[in-house]
Amino acid sequence: MGFLARVGGLRFAVVVLTAMTALQMTLIAFGNITDFGTNQAFVQHVLAMDTTFRSPDMMWRAITSPGLQNTAYVVIIAWEVLTALVLLAALAGWIRAKDATARRLATLGWVMWVLLFGVGFLAVGGEWFQMWQSDKWNGLQPALQNFLIAVAALVVAHLPAKERT
């Protein structure tokens, strides 16, 4: 098998996507662990809804308990660490040529990524906690970017592979 056949194929693209997303999620988790306070403030403000329009019809949703806010943030970090570990295991599977297992693990990792950024940040943070109303604590754009990365990786990983002659 020639060099171009190896690096120009679908499998190689999926391996690169797995490596990139494993690295990115590892760095996200590492950053949140080593610089705990920065994104802790983000989570606290989103949950407290203190920079939204403060509509009385919505403010009952706010979570102002520091204990609950910190618990939510720790759960997010734990989810990020677990997602990174799943994607790293998928990468190891690709490297060891255990393609079926690697594809399942990568799929799981990217679905976990979708749940974090799509459900957690876009739906729950963006809509339930009205994050879109905040000028300072609006993380919808980065959440959407991350959501789309995982969706694109999922699509590419599940494209039918054709044998090339």
Protein backbone atom coordinates (compact mmCIF):
# COMPACT_ATOMS: atom_id res chain seq x y z
CA MET A 1 0.00 0.00 0.00
CA GLY A 2 1.47 3.31 -1.06
CA PHE A 3 1.87 6.41 1.03
CA LEU A 4 -0.93 8.28 -0.73
CA ALA A 5 -3.29 5.32 -0.32
CA ARG A 6 -2.59 5.33 3.43
CA VAL A 7 -2.85 9.07 4.09
CA GLY A 8 -5.48 9.81 1.48
CA GLY A 9 -8.07 7.36 2.71
CA LEU A 10 -11.11 7.61 4.91
CA ARG A 11 -9.52 5.61 7.74
CA PHE A 12 -6.64 8.07 8.00
CA ALA A 13 -9.08 11.00 8.11
CA VAL A 14 -10.98 9.35 10.96
CA VAL A 15 -7.74 8.65 12.82
CA VAL A 16 -6.73 12.31 12.48
CA LEU A 17 -10.17 13.48 13.65
CA THR A 18 -9.96 11.12 16.61
CA ALA A 19 -6.48 12.37 17.51
CA MET A 20 -7.46 16.02 17.15
CA THR A 21 -10.61 15.69 19.25
CA ALA A 22 -8.87 13.56 21.88
CA LEU A 23 -6.19 16.24 22.19
CA GLN A 24 -8.74 19.06 22.25
CA MET A 25 -10.92 17.47 24.94
CA THR A 26 -7.83 16.60 26.97
CA LEU A 27 -6.75 20.25 26.81
CA ILE A 28 -10.26 21.46 27.68
CA ALA A 29 -10.38 19.22 30.75
CA PHE A 30 -6.79 20.06 31.72
CA GLY A 31 -7.52 23.78 31.44
CA ASN A 32 -10.62 23.50 33.59
CA ILE A 33 -8.75 21.53 36.23
CA THR A 34 -5.63 23.73 36.34
CA ASP A 35 -7.51 27.04 35.98
CA PHE A 36 -10.58 26.02 37.92
CA GLY A 37 -11.80 29.52 38.73
CA THR A 38 -12.10 30.95 35.23
CA ASN A 39 -14.79 28.63 33.90
CA GLN A 40 -16.23 28.16 37.38
CA ALA A 41 -17.24 31.83 37.20
CA PHE A 42 -18.78 31.20 33.78
CA VAL A 43 -20.88 28.30 35.10
CA GLN A 44 -21.90 30.26 38.19
CA HIS A 45 -23.11 33.26 36.17
CA VAL A 46 -24.96 31.15 33.62
CA LEU A 47 -26.74 29.15 36.31
CA ALA A 48 -27.50 32.26 38.39
CA MET A 49 -28.88 34.00 35.28
CA ASP A 50 -27.57 37.23 36.79
CA THR A 51 -26.65 38.84 33.46
CA THR A 52 -29.84 37.93 31.56
CA PHE A 53 -32.83 40.20 31.00
CA ARG A 54 -34.01 39.00 34.44
CA SER A 55 -37.57 38.38 33.36
CA PRO A 56 -39.68 37.38 36.38
CA ASP A 57 -41.20 34.67 34.20
CA MET A 58 -37.77 33.07 33.78
CA MET A 59 -35.81 33.83 36.93
CA TRP A 60 -37.37 30.96 38.86
CA ARG A 61 -35.02 28.73 36.83
CA ALA A 62 -31.90 30.35 38.29
CA ILE A 63 -29.63 28.27 40.50
CA THR A 64 -27.94 30.58 42.97
CA SER A 65 -26.63 28.03 45.46
CA PRO A 66 -22.80 28.02 45.25
CA GLY A 67 -22.82 24.35 46.26
CA LEU A 68 -25.09 23.37 43.36
CA GLN A 69 -23.18 25.60 40.95
CA ASN A 70 -19.86 24.04 41.95
CA THR A 71 -21.34 20.55 41.76
CA ALA A 72 -22.52 21.26 38.21
CA TYR A 73 -19.06 22.50 37.27
CA VAL A 74 -17.31 19.45 38.76
CA VAL A 75 -19.75 17.18 36.87
CA ILE A 76 -18.91 19.03 33.64
CA ILE A 77 -15.18 18.55 34.26
CA ALA A 78 -15.65 14.87 35.10
CA TRP A 79 -17.63 14.45 31.85
CA GLU A 80 -14.82 16.16 29.93
CA VAL A 81 -12.19 13.89 31.49
CA LEU A 82 -14.25 10.79 30.73
CA THR A 83 -14.83 11.96 27.14
CA ALA A 84 -11.11 12.60 26.69
CA LEU A 85 -10.27 9.13 28.02
CA VAL A 86 -12.77 7.47 25.67
CA LEU A 87 -11.34 9.36 22.68
CA LEU A 88 -7.78 8.51 23.73
CA ALA A 89 -8.80 4.84 23.96
CA ALA A 90 -10.32 5.16 20.48
CA LEU A 91 -7.06 6.62 19.17
CA ALA A 92 -5.14 3.72 20.71
CA GLY A 93 -7.56 1.36 18.97
CA TRP A 94 -6.96 3.02 15.60
CA ILE A 95 -3.20 2.85 16.11
CA ARG A 96 -3.41 -0.85 17.05
CA ALA A 97 -5.59 -1.47 13.94
CA LYS A 98 -8.58 -2.53 16.03
CA ASP A 99 -10.87 -0.60 13.71
CA ALA A 100 -14.26 -1.92 14.84
CA THR A 101 -13.51 -1.22 18.51
CA ALA A 102 -11.89 2.10 17.69
CA ARG A 103 -14.91 3.22 15.66
CA ARG A 104 -17.27 2.30 18.51
CA LEU A 105 -15.13 4.14 21.06
CA ALA A 106 -14.72 7.20 18.83
CA THR A 107 -18.47 7.23 18.24
CA LEU A 108 -19.10 7.05 21.98
CA GLY A 109 -16.62 9.86 22.62
CA TRP A 110 -18.16 12.09 19.98
CA VAL A 111 -21.69 11.38 21.24
CA MET A 112 -20.49 12.31 24.73
CA TRP A 113 -19.06 15.51 23.18
CA VAL A 114 -22.44 16.22 21.50
CA LEU A 115 -24.23 15.68 24.81
CA LEU A 116 -21.90 18.10 26.59
CA PHE A 117 -21.96 20.91 24.06
CA GLY A 118 -25.31 20.30 22.35
CA VAL A 119 -27.47 19.32 25.28
CA GLY A 120 -25.47 20.84 28.14
CA PHE A 121 -24.41 24.19 26.71
CA LEU A 122 -26.69 24.89 23.74
CA ALA A 123 -29.98 23.53 25.07
CA VAL A 124 -29.70 23.71 28.85
CA GLY A 125 -27.33 26.67 29.19
CA GLY A 126 -28.48 28.55 26.12
CA GLU A 127 -32.20 28.10 26.41
CA TRP A 128 -33.14 26.91 29.89
CA PHE A 129 -30.78 29.33 31.63
CA GLN A 130 -31.16 31.94 28.87
CA MET A 131 -27.40 32.25 28.30
CA TRP A 132 -28.12 33.84 24.91
CA GLN A 133 -29.33 36.97 26.73
CA SER A 134 -25.98 37.64 28.41
CA ASP A 135 -23.44 39.96 26.81
CA LYS A 136 -20.64 38.75 29.08
CA TRP A 137 -21.40 35.08 29.83
CA ASN A 138 -22.70 33.85 26.48
CA GLY A 139 -20.85 30.71 25.41
CA LEU A 140 -23.18 29.72 22.59
CA GLN A 141 -20.71 30.33 19.75
CA PRO A 142 -17.92 28.16 21.22
CA ALA A 143 -20.50 25.52 22.18
CA LEU A 144 -21.83 25.47 18.63
CA GLN A 145 -18.30 25.18 17.21
CA ASN A 146 -17.57 22.22 19.47
CA PHE A 147 -20.93 20.62 18.72
CA LEU A 148 -20.27 20.87 14.97
CA ILE A 149 -16.77 19.38 15.32
CA ALA A 150 -18.24 16.27 16.96
CA VAL A 151 -21.10 15.99 14.48
CA ALA A 152 -18.71 16.28 11.52
CA ALA A 153 -16.43 13.63 13.03
CA LEU A 154 -19.41 11.31 13.58
CA VAL A 155 -20.50 11.71 9.96
CA VAL A 156 -17.02 11.11 8.57
CA ALA A 157 -16.46 8.08 10.80
CA HIS A 158 -19.64 6.45 9.53
CA LEU A 159 -19.21 7.07 5.82
CA PRO A 160 -19.09 3.84 3.88
CA ALA A 161 -15.51 2.95 3.02
CA LYS A 162 -14.83 1.81 -0.53
CA GLU A 163 -11.96 -0.45 -1.44
CA ARG A 164 -9.58 1.23 -3.85
CA THR A 165 -7.72 -0.74 -6.44
